[in-house]
Amino acid sequence: MGFIVNKLVLIGSLGLVLGACSAATDMEESSKNTTDEAVVETVEAVEETEEKSIVADEMTTTFYPEVTRLRHLTEEDLEWCDIIITRLNAIDDFSGDRETVYEIAEEYGEDPEELYFDWLEIWDAKVHGDNGNYAILSEAYSKLTTEIIEKNIVGEKIEHSSSRSSLDEGNLTTFVQHELDVDGELYEVAYVIEHRDDYKIAEIIEFSVNGEKIDL
């Protein structure tokens, strides 16, 4: 009888041992699966972060903007400038430049369209003349910044939220900052343009996204 009881105890013990081994194996496999899943998730997270980069793999830093040779201002040009500026400053109904210049032309017996065309050139020379004989005017400047973004920022949908710029006349550099919506996420893109060869060459010398500098 004692032998039968001992045998049953031995069988029970073996069952407990096998059960424990099985549980330990299950725990090891579960732990291994959890570790593997964690590694996979980490790798996927890293890959996802890399995929979110909005900067092109190969940066384009040299651009050739459209440049305008400024008008050489004569004494007559400066006189017209004083007349038109004085009239514009006195207007309080916010009427446009063209309408005002047309009125002045009629008063002085000048061709309205010709005087307006001259006025645009005179004003551009007044605004940009201190920086040389050439300038990137507003339309050409807009094309330049658009091209810079198109060449260096990647995304399915890129929209401009806002932008600002400032020219350092001493160093002939322009600092530009854009707020961009790229595929539904907002980014701050900033860069510095160095102007050379009478503004005919625009070289990007600094570029950053959300304050992080990008190697050029």
N, C-alpha and C. Protein backbone atom coordinates (compact mmCIF):
# COMPACT_ATOMS: atom_id res chain seq x y z
N MET A 1 0.84 -1.21 0.00
CA MET A 1 0.00 0.00 0.00
C MET A 1 0.87 1.24 0.00
N GLY A 2 1.94 1.18 0.84
CA GLY A 2 2.87 2.31 0.89
C GLY A 2 3.53 2.53 -0.44
N PHE A 3 3.84 1.45 -1.13
CA PHE A 3 4.49 1.57 -2.44
C PHE A 3 3.57 2.25 -3.44
N ILE A 4 2.27 1.88 -3.38
CA ILE A 4 1.28 2.50 -4.30
C ILE A 4 1.15 3.98 -4.02
N VAL A 5 1.11 4.36 -2.72
CA VAL A 5 0.99 5.79 -2.36
C VAL A 5 2.22 6.55 -2.83
N ASN A 6 3.39 5.98 -2.59
CA ASN A 6 4.63 6.66 -3.03
C ASN A 6 4.66 6.83 -4.55
N LYS A 7 4.15 5.82 -5.24
CA LYS A 7 4.12 5.89 -6.70
C LYS A 7 3.20 7.00 -7.16
N LEU A 8 2.05 7.11 -6.47
CA LEU A 8 1.10 8.18 -6.83
C LEU A 8 1.71 9.55 -6.56
N VAL A 9 2.42 9.63 -5.43
CA VAL A 9 3.07 10.91 -5.07
C VAL A 9 4.11 11.26 -6.10
N LEU A 10 4.88 10.20 -6.54
CA LEU A 10 5.91 10.43 -7.53
C LEU A 10 5.31 10.91 -8.85
N ILE A 11 4.22 10.27 -9.26
CA ILE A 11 3.53 10.67 -10.51
C ILE A 11 3.02 12.10 -10.39
N GLY A 12 2.43 12.41 -9.20
CA GLY A 12 1.93 13.78 -8.99
C GLY A 12 3.05 14.79 -9.06
N SER A 13 4.19 14.41 -8.47
CA SER A 13 5.33 15.33 -8.48
C SER A 13 5.83 15.57 -9.89
N LEU A 14 5.89 14.45 -10.66
CA LEU A 14 6.30 14.59 -12.05
C LEU A 14 5.35 15.50 -12.81
N GLY A 15 4.06 15.37 -12.52
CA GLY A 15 3.06 16.22 -13.18
C GLY A 15 3.28 17.68 -12.85
N LEU A 16 3.59 17.95 -11.56
CA LEU A 16 3.84 19.34 -11.15
C LEU A 16 5.07 19.90 -11.84
N VAL A 17 6.12 19.01 -11.91
CA VAL A 17 7.37 19.46 -12.55
C VAL A 17 7.13 19.75 -14.02
N LEU A 18 6.44 18.81 -14.70
CA LEU A 18 6.16 19.02 -16.12
C LEU A 18 5.29 20.25 -16.33
N GLY A 19 4.33 20.43 -15.43
CA GLY A 19 3.46 21.61 -15.53
C GLY A 19 4.25 22.88 -15.36
N ALA A 20 5.18 22.84 -14.38
CA ALA A 20 6.01 24.03 -14.13
C ALA A 20 6.89 24.32 -15.33
N CYS A 21 7.48 23.23 -15.90
CA CYS A 21 8.32 23.41 -17.08
C CYS A 21 7.52 24.00 -18.24
N SER A 22 6.29 23.46 -18.40
CA SER A 22 5.43 23.96 -19.47
C SER A 22 5.10 25.42 -19.26
N ALA A 23 4.79 25.80 -18.01
CA ALA A 23 4.46 27.20 -17.70
C ALA A 23 5.66 28.09 -17.95
N ALA A 24 6.84 27.56 -17.53
CA ALA A 24 8.06 28.36 -17.73
C ALA A 24 8.32 28.57 -19.21
N THR A 25 8.11 27.49 -20.00
CA THR A 25 8.31 27.60 -21.45
C THR A 25 7.34 28.60 -22.06
N ASP A 26 6.07 28.52 -21.60
CA ASP A 26 5.06 29.47 -22.11
C ASP A 26 5.44 30.89 -21.77
N MET A 27 5.96 31.10 -20.53
CA MET A 27 6.35 32.44 -20.11
C MET A 27 7.52 32.93 -20.94
N GLU A 28 8.50 32.00 -21.21
CA GLU A 28 9.65 32.38 -22.03
C GLU A 28 9.21 32.76 -23.43
N GLU A 29 8.31 31.94 -24.02
CA GLU A 29 7.83 32.24 -25.37
C GLU A 29 7.05 33.55 -25.39
N SER A 30 6.22 33.75 -24.32
CA SER A 30 5.44 34.99 -24.25
C SER A 30 6.36 36.19 -24.13
N SER A 31 7.41 36.02 -23.28
CA SER A 31 8.38 37.11 -23.10
C SER A 31 9.11 37.39 -24.39
N LYS A 32 9.50 36.29 -25.10
CA LYS A 32 10.21 36.43 -26.36
C LYS A 32 9.34 37.13 -27.39
N ASN A 33 8.04 36.73 -27.43
CA ASN A 33 7.12 37.36 -28.38
C ASN A 33 6.95 38.84 -28.08
N THR A 34 6.85 39.15 -26.76
CA THR A 34 6.70 40.55 -26.35
C THR A 34 7.93 41.36 -26.75
N THR A 35 9.11 40.74 -26.53
CA THR A 35 10.36 41.43 -26.89
C THR A 35 10.44 41.65 -28.38
N ASP A 36 10.08 40.58 -29.15
CA ASP A 36 10.11 40.70 -30.60
C ASP A 36 9.17 41.79 -31.08
N GLU A 37 7.96 41.85 -30.48
CA GLU A 37 6.98 42.86 -30.86
C GLU A 37 7.51 44.25 -30.55
N ALA A 38 8.17 44.38 -29.38
CA ALA A 38 8.71 45.68 -28.99
C ALA A 38 9.78 46.13 -29.96
N VAL A 39 10.65 45.16 -30.38
CA VAL A 39 11.70 45.49 -31.34
C VAL A 39 11.10 45.92 -32.66
N VAL A 40 10.09 45.17 -33.12
CA VAL A 40 9.43 45.50 -34.39
C VAL A 40 8.80 46.87 -34.32
N GLU A 41 8.11 47.16 -33.19
CA GLU A 41 7.47 48.46 -33.04
C GLU A 41 8.50 49.57 -33.02
N THR A 42 9.65 49.31 -32.36
CA THR A 42 10.72 50.33 -32.30
C THR A 42 11.26 50.61 -33.69
N VAL A 43 11.52 49.53 -34.46
CA VAL A 43 12.03 49.68 -35.82
C VAL A 43 11.03 50.43 -36.67
N GLU A 44 9.74 50.06 -36.54
CA GLU A 44 8.71 50.74 -37.31
C GLU A 44 8.63 52.21 -36.94
N ALA A 45 8.79 52.51 -35.64
CA ALA A 45 8.75 53.91 -35.19
C ALA A 45 9.89 54.70 -35.77
N VAL A 46 11.09 54.08 -35.80
CA VAL A 46 12.25 54.76 -36.39
C VAL A 46 12.03 55.00 -37.87
N GLU A 47 11.52 53.96 -38.57
CA GLU A 47 11.28 54.10 -40.00
C GLU A 47 10.24 55.16 -40.28
N GLU A 48 9.21 55.21 -39.42
CA GLU A 48 8.15 56.20 -39.59
C GLU A 48 8.71 57.60 -39.41
N THR A 49 9.60 57.76 -38.41
CA THR A 49 10.22 59.07 -38.17
C THR A 49 11.05 59.48 -39.38
N GLU A 50 11.80 58.55 -39.94
CA GLU A 50 12.63 58.86 -41.10
C GLU A 50 11.75 59.22 -42.30
N GLU A 51 10.63 58.55 -42.46
CA GLU A 51 9.76 58.80 -43.58
C GLU A 51 9.12 60.17 -43.50
N LYS A 52 9.04 60.78 -42.31
CA LYS A 52 8.37 62.06 -42.13
C LYS A 52 9.27 63.24 -42.49
N SER A 53 10.51 62.99 -42.85
CA SER A 53 11.39 64.08 -43.25
C SER A 53 10.83 64.75 -44.50
N ILE A 54 10.74 66.08 -44.46
CA ILE A 54 10.18 66.80 -45.60
C ILE A 54 11.28 67.40 -46.48
N VAL A 55 12.52 67.14 -46.13
CA VAL A 55 13.65 67.70 -46.88
C VAL A 55 14.08 66.73 -47.98
N ALA A 56 14.32 67.25 -49.17
CA ALA A 56 14.74 66.41 -50.28
C ALA A 56 16.09 65.75 -49.98
N ASP A 57 16.29 64.54 -50.51
CA ASP A 57 17.54 63.81 -50.28
C ASP A 57 18.73 64.60 -50.80
N GLU A 58 18.57 65.24 -51.95
CA GLU A 58 19.63 66.06 -52.52
C GLU A 58 19.15 67.51 -52.57
N MET A 59 19.78 68.35 -51.77
CA MET A 59 19.39 69.75 -51.70
C MET A 59 19.87 70.52 -52.93
N THR A 60 19.04 71.43 -53.41
CA THR A 60 19.42 72.35 -54.47
C THR A 60 19.71 73.70 -53.83
N THR A 61 20.91 74.19 -53.99
CA THR A 61 21.30 75.41 -53.28
C THR A 61 21.57 76.61 -54.20
N THR A 62 21.75 76.38 -55.49
CA THR A 62 22.06 77.47 -56.41
C THR A 62 20.88 77.75 -57.33
N PHE A 63 20.48 79.02 -57.38
CA PHE A 63 19.33 79.41 -58.20
C PHE A 63 19.71 80.65 -59.02
N TYR A 64 18.99 80.84 -60.12
CA TYR A 64 19.27 81.94 -61.03
C TYR A 64 17.98 82.75 -61.25
N PRO A 65 17.69 83.65 -60.35
CA PRO A 65 16.43 84.41 -60.43
C PRO A 65 16.40 85.41 -61.58
N GLU A 66 15.20 85.82 -61.92
CA GLU A 66 15.02 86.87 -62.93
C GLU A 66 15.41 88.21 -62.31
N VAL A 67 16.32 88.90 -62.95
CA VAL A 67 16.85 90.16 -62.42
C VAL A 67 16.49 91.31 -63.36
N THR A 68 16.14 92.46 -62.78
CA THR A 68 15.78 93.64 -63.55
C THR A 68 16.83 94.74 -63.37
N ARG A 69 17.26 95.30 -64.48
CA ARG A 69 18.16 96.45 -64.41
C ARG A 69 17.32 97.68 -64.07
N LEU A 70 17.69 98.38 -63.03
CA LEU A 70 16.90 99.50 -62.54
C LEU A 70 17.08 100.73 -63.43
N ARG A 71 16.06 101.54 -63.43
CA ARG A 71 16.06 102.78 -64.21
C ARG A 71 17.06 103.77 -63.63
N HIS A 72 17.78 104.44 -64.50
CA HIS A 72 18.66 105.52 -64.06
C HIS A 72 17.81 106.77 -63.87
N LEU A 73 17.70 107.23 -62.64
CA LEU A 73 16.79 108.34 -62.32
C LEU A 73 17.38 109.68 -62.75
N THR A 74 16.56 110.43 -63.51
CA THR A 74 16.93 111.77 -63.94
C THR A 74 16.28 112.79 -63.01
N GLU A 75 16.61 114.05 -63.20
CA GLU A 75 15.98 115.12 -62.42
C GLU A 75 14.48 115.14 -62.65
N GLU A 76 14.09 114.92 -63.89
CA GLU A 76 12.66 114.89 -64.21
C GLU A 76 11.97 113.72 -63.49
N ASP A 77 12.63 112.56 -63.46
CA ASP A 77 12.07 111.40 -62.75
C ASP A 77 11.85 111.73 -61.27
N LEU A 78 12.82 112.37 -60.67
CA LEU A 78 12.72 112.71 -59.25
C LEU A 78 11.59 113.73 -59.00
N GLU A 79 11.38 114.64 -59.95
CA GLU A 79 10.29 115.60 -59.82
C GLU A 79 8.94 114.90 -59.88
N TRP A 80 8.80 113.97 -60.86
CA TRP A 80 7.56 113.20 -60.95
C TRP A 80 7.35 112.37 -59.68
N CYS A 81 8.43 111.85 -59.15
CA CYS A 81 8.33 111.04 -57.93
C CYS A 81 7.78 111.88 -56.78
N ASP A 82 8.29 113.09 -56.63
CA ASP A 82 7.81 113.97 -55.56
C ASP A 82 6.33 114.31 -55.74
N ILE A 83 5.94 114.59 -56.99
CA ILE A 83 4.54 114.94 -57.26
C ILE A 83 3.61 113.78 -56.92
N ILE A 84 3.97 112.60 -57.40
CA ILE A 84 3.08 111.43 -57.22
C ILE A 84 3.06 110.98 -55.77
N ILE A 85 4.22 110.97 -55.12
CA ILE A 85 4.28 110.54 -53.73
C ILE A 85 3.48 111.50 -52.85
N THR A 86 3.60 112.80 -53.09
CA THR A 86 2.86 113.79 -52.31
C THR A 86 1.36 113.56 -52.45
N ARG A 87 0.92 113.29 -53.68
CA ARG A 87 -0.52 113.06 -53.91
C ARG A 87 -0.97 111.76 -53.25
N LEU A 88 -0.18 110.72 -53.36
CA LEU A 88 -0.56 109.43 -52.76
C LEU A 88 -0.64 109.54 -51.23
N ASN A 89 0.30 110.26 -50.64
CA ASN A 89 0.30 110.41 -49.18
C ASN A 89 -0.89 111.21 -48.69
N ALA A 90 -1.44 112.05 -49.58
CA ALA A 90 -2.57 112.89 -49.19
C ALA A 90 -3.92 112.20 -49.36
N ILE A 91 -3.91 111.06 -50.05
CA ILE A 91 -5.18 110.34 -50.30
C ILE A 91 -5.63 109.62 -49.05
N ASP A 92 -6.90 109.77 -48.72
CA ASP A 92 -7.43 109.07 -47.55
C ASP A 92 -8.58 108.13 -47.91
N ASP A 93 -8.80 107.96 -49.23
CA ASP A 93 -9.88 107.05 -49.64
C ASP A 93 -9.33 105.73 -50.19
N PHE A 94 -8.01 105.54 -50.05
CA PHE A 94 -7.35 104.29 -50.43
C PHE A 94 -7.53 103.92 -51.90
N SER A 95 -7.64 104.91 -52.78
CA SER A 95 -7.71 104.59 -54.20
C SER A 95 -6.33 104.13 -54.68
N GLY A 96 -6.29 103.39 -55.76
CA GLY A 96 -5.04 102.77 -56.21
C GLY A 96 -4.07 103.73 -56.85
N ASP A 97 -2.82 103.27 -56.98
CA ASP A 97 -1.77 104.06 -57.60
C ASP A 97 -2.12 104.43 -59.04
N ARG A 98 -2.63 103.46 -59.78
CA ARG A 98 -2.90 103.69 -61.21
C ARG A 98 -3.89 104.83 -61.39
N GLU A 99 -4.97 104.80 -60.64
CA GLU A 99 -5.99 105.84 -60.77
C GLU A 99 -5.42 107.22 -60.45
N THR A 100 -4.60 107.28 -59.40
CA THR A 100 -4.01 108.56 -59.00
C THR A 100 -3.04 109.07 -60.06
N VAL A 101 -2.20 108.21 -60.59
CA VAL A 101 -1.24 108.61 -61.61
C VAL A 101 -1.96 109.05 -62.88
N TYR A 102 -3.06 108.37 -63.22
CA TYR A 102 -3.84 108.78 -64.39
C TYR A 102 -4.38 110.20 -64.21
N GLU A 103 -4.87 110.49 -63.01
CA GLU A 103 -5.39 111.83 -62.73
C GLU A 103 -4.29 112.89 -62.87
N ILE A 104 -3.12 112.59 -62.32
CA ILE A 104 -2.00 113.53 -62.40
C ILE A 104 -1.58 113.74 -63.86
N ALA A 105 -1.55 112.65 -64.64
CA ALA A 105 -1.16 112.74 -66.05
C ALA A 105 -2.11 113.67 -66.81
N GLU A 106 -3.40 113.54 -66.55
CA GLU A 106 -4.37 114.40 -67.22
C GLU A 106 -4.19 115.86 -66.82
N GLU A 107 -3.88 116.09 -65.55
CA GLU A 107 -3.67 117.46 -65.07
C GLU A 107 -2.46 118.10 -65.74
N TYR A 108 -1.41 117.30 -66.00
CA TYR A 108 -0.18 117.84 -66.57
C TYR A 108 -0.07 117.62 -68.08
N GLY A 109 -1.14 117.10 -68.68
CA GLY A 109 -1.14 116.90 -70.11
C GLY A 109 -0.23 115.77 -70.57
N GLU A 110 -0.05 114.76 -69.75
CA GLU A 110 0.79 113.61 -70.10
C GLU A 110 -0.08 112.41 -70.46
N ASP A 111 0.53 111.46 -71.15
CA ASP A 111 -0.18 110.22 -71.47
C ASP A 111 -0.29 109.39 -70.19
N PRO A 112 -1.51 109.07 -69.75
CA PRO A 112 -1.70 108.37 -68.47
C PRO A 112 -0.96 107.03 -68.38
N GLU A 113 -1.07 106.22 -69.41
CA GLU A 113 -0.44 104.90 -69.37
C GLU A 113 1.08 105.01 -69.38
N GLU A 114 1.60 105.95 -70.16
CA GLU A 114 3.04 106.14 -70.23
C GLU A 114 3.60 106.63 -68.90
N LEU A 115 2.88 107.58 -68.28
CA LEU A 115 3.34 108.10 -67.00
C LEU A 115 3.26 107.02 -65.92
N TYR A 116 2.23 106.19 -65.98
CA TYR A 116 2.10 105.11 -64.99
C TYR A 116 3.24 104.11 -65.14
N PHE A 117 3.59 103.76 -66.38
CA PHE A 117 4.69 102.84 -66.63
C PHE A 117 6.00 103.43 -66.11
N ASP A 118 6.22 104.72 -66.38
CA ASP A 118 7.42 105.39 -65.88
C ASP A 118 7.44 105.40 -64.36
N TRP A 119 6.27 105.61 -63.76
CA TRP A 119 6.17 105.67 -62.31
C TRP A 119 6.60 104.35 -61.66
N LEU A 120 6.19 103.25 -62.25
CA LEU A 120 6.56 101.94 -61.71
C LEU A 120 8.08 101.77 -61.73
N GLU A 121 8.71 102.16 -62.82
CA GLU A 121 10.17 102.06 -62.91
C GLU A 121 10.85 103.02 -61.94
N ILE A 122 10.30 104.23 -61.83
CA ILE A 122 10.87 105.22 -60.91
C ILE A 122 10.81 104.71 -59.48
N TRP A 123 9.67 104.14 -59.11
CA TRP A 123 9.50 103.67 -57.74
C TRP A 123 10.42 102.48 -57.43
N ASP A 124 10.55 101.56 -58.38
CA ASP A 124 11.46 100.43 -58.19
C ASP A 124 12.90 100.91 -57.99
N ALA A 125 13.28 101.91 -58.76
CA ALA A 125 14.65 102.45 -58.64
C ALA A 125 14.83 103.15 -57.30
N LYS A 126 13.79 103.83 -56.82
CA LYS A 126 13.88 104.51 -55.53
C LYS A 126 14.01 103.51 -54.39
N VAL A 127 13.27 102.41 -54.48
CA VAL A 127 13.25 101.41 -53.41
C VAL A 127 14.51 100.57 -53.39
N HIS A 128 14.97 100.14 -54.56
CA HIS A 128 16.08 99.19 -54.64
C HIS A 128 17.41 99.80 -55.06
N GLY A 129 17.41 101.06 -55.45
CA GLY A 129 18.60 101.66 -56.03
C GLY A 129 19.81 101.70 -55.12
N ASP A 130 19.59 101.73 -53.81
CA ASP A 130 20.73 101.79 -52.89
C ASP A 130 21.55 100.51 -52.90
N ASN A 131 20.99 99.42 -53.43
CA ASN A 131 21.68 98.13 -53.42
C ASN A 131 22.35 97.80 -54.75
N GLY A 132 22.39 98.77 -55.66
CA GLY A 132 23.04 98.52 -56.94
C GLY A 132 22.13 98.85 -58.10
N ASN A 133 22.58 98.47 -59.29
CA ASN A 133 21.83 98.78 -60.51
C ASN A 133 20.84 97.70 -60.89
N TYR A 134 20.85 96.59 -60.15
CA TYR A 134 19.95 95.48 -60.45
C TYR A 134 19.16 95.10 -59.21
N ALA A 135 18.03 94.45 -59.44
CA ALA A 135 17.20 94.03 -58.31
C ALA A 135 16.31 92.85 -58.72
N ILE A 136 15.93 92.06 -57.73
CA ILE A 136 14.91 91.02 -57.92
C ILE A 136 13.59 91.64 -57.48
N LEU A 137 12.73 91.95 -58.43
CA LEU A 137 11.47 92.60 -58.11
C LEU A 137 10.47 91.60 -57.55
N SER A 138 9.36 92.10 -57.04
CA SER A 138 8.43 91.28 -56.24
C SER A 138 7.97 90.01 -56.94
N GLU A 139 7.59 90.10 -58.20
CA GLU A 139 7.11 88.90 -58.91
C GLU A 139 8.22 87.88 -59.07
N ALA A 140 9.41 88.35 -59.43
CA ALA A 140 10.56 87.45 -59.59
C ALA A 140 10.99 86.86 -58.26
N TYR A 141 10.88 87.67 -57.20
CA TYR A 141 11.24 87.17 -55.87
C TYR A 141 10.28 86.07 -55.43
N SER A 142 8.99 86.26 -55.72
CA SER A 142 8.00 85.23 -55.40
C SER A 142 8.28 83.93 -56.14
N LYS A 143 8.69 84.04 -57.42
CA LYS A 143 9.04 82.85 -58.20
C LYS A 143 10.27 82.15 -57.61
N LEU A 144 11.23 82.95 -57.15
CA LEU A 144 12.46 82.39 -56.57
C LEU A 144 12.15 81.58 -55.32
N THR A 145 11.40 82.16 -54.38
CA THR A 145 11.11 81.44 -53.13
C THR A 145 10.23 80.22 -53.38
N THR A 146 9.34 80.32 -54.35
CA THR A 146 8.51 79.15 -54.71
C THR A 146 9.39 78.03 -55.25
N GLU A 147 10.35 78.38 -56.10
CA GLU A 147 11.26 77.37 -56.67
C GLU A 147 12.12 76.74 -55.59
N ILE A 148 12.57 77.53 -54.63
CA ILE A 148 13.40 76.99 -53.53
C ILE A 148 12.63 75.94 -52.75
N ILE A 149 11.36 76.23 -52.45
CA ILE A 149 10.53 75.27 -51.71
C ILE A 149 10.24 74.04 -52.56
N GLU A 150 9.92 74.24 -53.83
CA GLU A 150 9.60 73.11 -54.70
C GLU A 150 10.79 72.17 -54.87
N LYS A 151 12.00 72.72 -54.91
CA LYS A 151 13.20 71.90 -55.11
C LYS A 151 13.63 71.16 -53.84
N ASN A 152 13.36 71.74 -52.68
CA ASN A 152 13.96 71.22 -51.44
C ASN A 152 12.98 70.65 -50.42
N ILE A 153 11.69 70.84 -50.62
CA ILE A 153 10.70 70.30 -49.69
C ILE A 153 9.85 69.28 -50.43
N VAL A 154 9.65 68.11 -49.82
CA VAL A 154 8.88 67.05 -50.46
C VAL A 154 7.62 66.76 -49.65
N GLY A 155 6.55 66.43 -50.35
CA GLY A 155 5.29 66.11 -49.70
C GLY A 155 4.19 66.00 -50.75
N GLU A 156 3.12 65.31 -50.39
CA GLU A 156 2.01 65.14 -51.33
C GLU A 156 1.28 66.47 -51.54
N LYS A 157 1.16 67.24 -50.46
CA LYS A 157 0.43 68.51 -50.53
C LYS A 157 1.17 69.55 -49.69
N ILE A 158 1.66 70.59 -50.35
CA ILE A 158 2.41 71.65 -49.66
C ILE A 158 1.68 72.97 -49.84
N GLU A 159 1.35 73.60 -48.72
CA GLU A 159 0.64 74.88 -48.76
C GLU A 159 1.38 75.90 -47.91
N HIS A 160 1.45 77.15 -48.41
CA HIS A 160 2.07 78.24 -47.66
C HIS A 160 1.05 78.86 -46.71
N SER A 161 1.39 78.90 -45.43
CA SER A 161 0.52 79.57 -44.46
C SER A 161 0.91 81.04 -44.34
N SER A 162 2.20 81.30 -44.25
CA SER A 162 2.69 82.68 -44.17
C SER A 162 4.18 82.69 -44.48
N SER A 163 4.72 83.87 -44.74
CA SER A 163 6.16 83.99 -44.99
C SER A 163 6.60 85.42 -44.70
N ARG A 164 7.88 85.57 -44.40
CA ARG A 164 8.46 86.89 -44.18
C ARG A 164 9.92 86.83 -44.59
N SER A 165 10.47 87.99 -44.90
CA SER A 165 11.88 88.04 -45.31
C SER A 165 12.47 89.39 -44.96
N SER A 166 13.79 89.41 -44.86
CA SER A 166 14.49 90.67 -44.58
C SER A 166 15.84 90.64 -45.27
N LEU A 167 16.19 91.76 -45.91
CA LEU A 167 17.44 91.88 -46.66
C LEU A 167 18.50 92.56 -45.81
N ASP A 168 19.66 91.92 -45.72
CA ASP A 168 20.82 92.53 -45.07
C ASP A 168 21.64 93.19 -46.19
N GLU A 169 21.48 94.49 -46.32
CA GLU A 169 22.11 95.20 -47.43
C GLU A 169 23.63 95.15 -47.35
N GLY A 170 24.17 95.13 -46.14
CA GLY A 170 25.62 95.11 -45.98
C GLY A 170 26.25 93.83 -46.51
N ASN A 171 25.64 92.69 -46.19
CA ASN A 171 26.18 91.40 -46.61
C ASN A 171 25.52 90.85 -47.87
N LEU A 172 24.52 91.59 -48.39
CA LEU A 172 23.75 91.14 -49.55
C LEU A 172 23.22 89.72 -49.34
N THR A 173 22.56 89.53 -48.21
CA THR A 173 21.91 88.26 -47.91
C THR A 173 20.45 88.53 -47.53
N THR A 174 19.61 87.56 -47.81
CA THR A 174 18.20 87.67 -47.45
C THR A 174 17.82 86.50 -46.55
N PHE A 175 17.23 86.81 -45.39
CA PHE A 175 16.72 85.77 -44.50
C PHE A 175 15.24 85.57 -44.82
N VAL A 176 14.84 84.33 -45.06
CA VAL A 176 13.47 84.00 -45.43
C VAL A 176 12.92 82.95 -44.47
N GLN A 177 11.69 83.15 -44.05
CA GLN A 177 11.04 82.19 -43.15
C GLN A 177 9.64 81.91 -43.66
N HIS A 178 9.32 80.63 -43.79
CA HIS A 178 7.98 80.21 -44.25
C HIS A 178 7.30 79.37 -43.17
N GLU A 179 5.99 79.53 -43.07
CA GLU A 179 5.17 78.58 -42.33
C GLU A 179 4.48 77.72 -43.38
N LEU A 180 4.82 76.42 -43.41
CA LEU A 180 4.29 75.53 -44.43
C LEU A 180 3.41 74.45 -43.82
N ASP A 181 2.35 74.12 -44.53
CA ASP A 181 1.51 72.97 -44.18
C ASP A 181 1.88 71.87 -45.17
N VAL A 182 2.56 70.85 -44.67
CA VAL A 182 3.00 69.74 -45.52
C VAL A 182 2.23 68.48 -45.11
N ASP A 183 1.35 68.04 -45.98
CA ASP A 183 0.54 66.85 -45.72
C ASP A 183 -0.17 66.94 -44.37
N GLY A 184 -0.70 68.10 -44.06
CA GLY A 184 -1.51 68.27 -42.86
C GLY A 184 -0.74 68.62 -41.60
N GLU A 185 0.59 68.74 -41.68
CA GLU A 185 1.40 69.11 -40.52
C GLU A 185 2.12 70.43 -40.79
N LEU A 186 2.20 71.28 -39.75
CA LEU A 186 2.82 72.59 -39.89
C LEU A 186 4.33 72.51 -39.63
N TYR A 187 5.09 73.19 -40.46
CA TYR A 187 6.54 73.24 -40.32
C TYR A 187 7.01 74.68 -40.50
N GLU A 188 8.09 75.01 -39.81
CA GLU A 188 8.75 76.30 -40.02
C GLU A 188 10.03 76.06 -40.81
N VAL A 189 10.05 76.57 -42.01
CA VAL A 189 11.21 76.41 -42.89
C VAL A 189 11.89 77.77 -43.04
N ALA A 190 13.18 77.81 -42.76
CA ALA A 190 13.92 79.07 -42.85
C ALA A 190 15.22 78.84 -43.61
N TYR A 191 15.65 79.87 -44.32
CA TYR A 191 16.91 79.76 -45.05
C TYR A 191 17.48 81.16 -45.30
N VAL A 192 18.78 81.17 -45.63
CA VAL A 192 19.48 82.42 -45.92
C VAL A 192 19.99 82.36 -47.35
N ILE A 193 19.67 83.40 -48.13
CA ILE A 193 20.11 83.50 -49.52
C ILE A 193 21.27 84.48 -49.60
N GLU A 194 22.35 84.06 -50.22
CA GLU A 194 23.47 84.96 -50.50
C GLU A 194 23.38 85.38 -51.96
N HIS A 195 23.34 86.70 -52.20
CA HIS A 195 23.20 87.22 -53.56
C HIS A 195 24.57 87.56 -54.14
N ARG A 196 24.78 87.13 -55.40
CA ARG A 196 26.05 87.41 -56.06
C ARG A 196 25.81 87.82 -57.51
N ASP A 197 26.84 88.39 -58.11
CA ASP A 197 26.80 88.75 -59.53
C ASP A 197 25.57 89.61 -59.85
N ASP A 198 25.44 90.75 -59.15
CA ASP A 198 24.31 91.67 -59.35
C ASP A 198 22.97 90.95 -59.19
N TYR A 199 22.87 90.11 -58.18
CA TYR A 199 21.64 89.37 -57.83
C TYR A 199 21.30 88.26 -58.82
N LYS A 200 22.13 88.03 -59.82
CA LYS A 200 21.81 87.00 -60.81
C LYS A 200 22.00 85.58 -60.26
N ILE A 201 22.78 85.45 -59.19
CA ILE A 201 22.98 84.16 -58.54
C ILE A 201 22.47 84.25 -57.11
N ALA A 202 21.60 83.32 -56.74
CA ALA A 202 21.08 83.24 -55.38
C ALA A 202 21.53 81.90 -54.79
N GLU A 203 22.40 81.96 -53.79
CA GLU A 203 22.96 80.75 -53.19
C GLU A 203 22.40 80.55 -51.78
N ILE A 204 21.83 79.36 -51.53
CA ILE A 204 21.35 79.04 -50.19
C ILE A 204 22.54 78.64 -49.33
N ILE A 205 22.82 79.41 -48.27
CA ILE A 205 23.98 79.12 -47.42
C ILE A 205 23.56 78.56 -46.06
N GLU A 206 22.29 78.68 -45.71
CA GLU A 206 21.76 78.08 -44.48
C GLU A 206 20.34 77.61 -44.74
N PHE A 207 19.98 76.48 -44.12
CA PHE A 207 18.63 75.93 -44.31
C PHE A 207 18.25 75.18 -43.04
N SER A 208 17.04 75.41 -42.54
CA SER A 208 16.60 74.72 -41.33
C SER A 208 15.11 74.41 -41.39
N VAL A 209 14.71 73.36 -40.67
CA VAL A 209 13.31 72.97 -40.54
C VAL A 209 12.99 72.85 -39.06
N ASN A 210 12.02 73.63 -38.61
CA ASN A 210 11.66 73.68 -37.19
C ASN A 210 12.88 73.95 -36.30
N GLY A 211 13.75 74.82 -36.77
CA GLY A 211 14.93 75.21 -35.99
C GLY A 211 16.10 74.27 -36.09
N GLU A 212 15.94 73.14 -36.77
CA GLU A 212 17.04 72.17 -36.90
C GLU A 212 17.76 72.40 -38.23
N LYS A 213 19.06 72.71 -38.16
CA LYS A 213 19.82 73.00 -39.35
C LYS A 213 20.00 71.75 -40.21
N ILE A 214 19.92 71.95 -41.52
CA ILE A 214 20.09 70.87 -42.48
C ILE A 214 21.45 71.01 -43.15
N ASP A 215 22.19 69.91 -43.25
CA ASP A 215 23.48 69.94 -43.93
C ASP A 215 23.28 70.18 -45.42
N LEU A 216 24.03 71.12 -45.96
CA LEU A 216 23.90 71.46 -47.37
C LEU A 216 25.02 70.81 -48.19
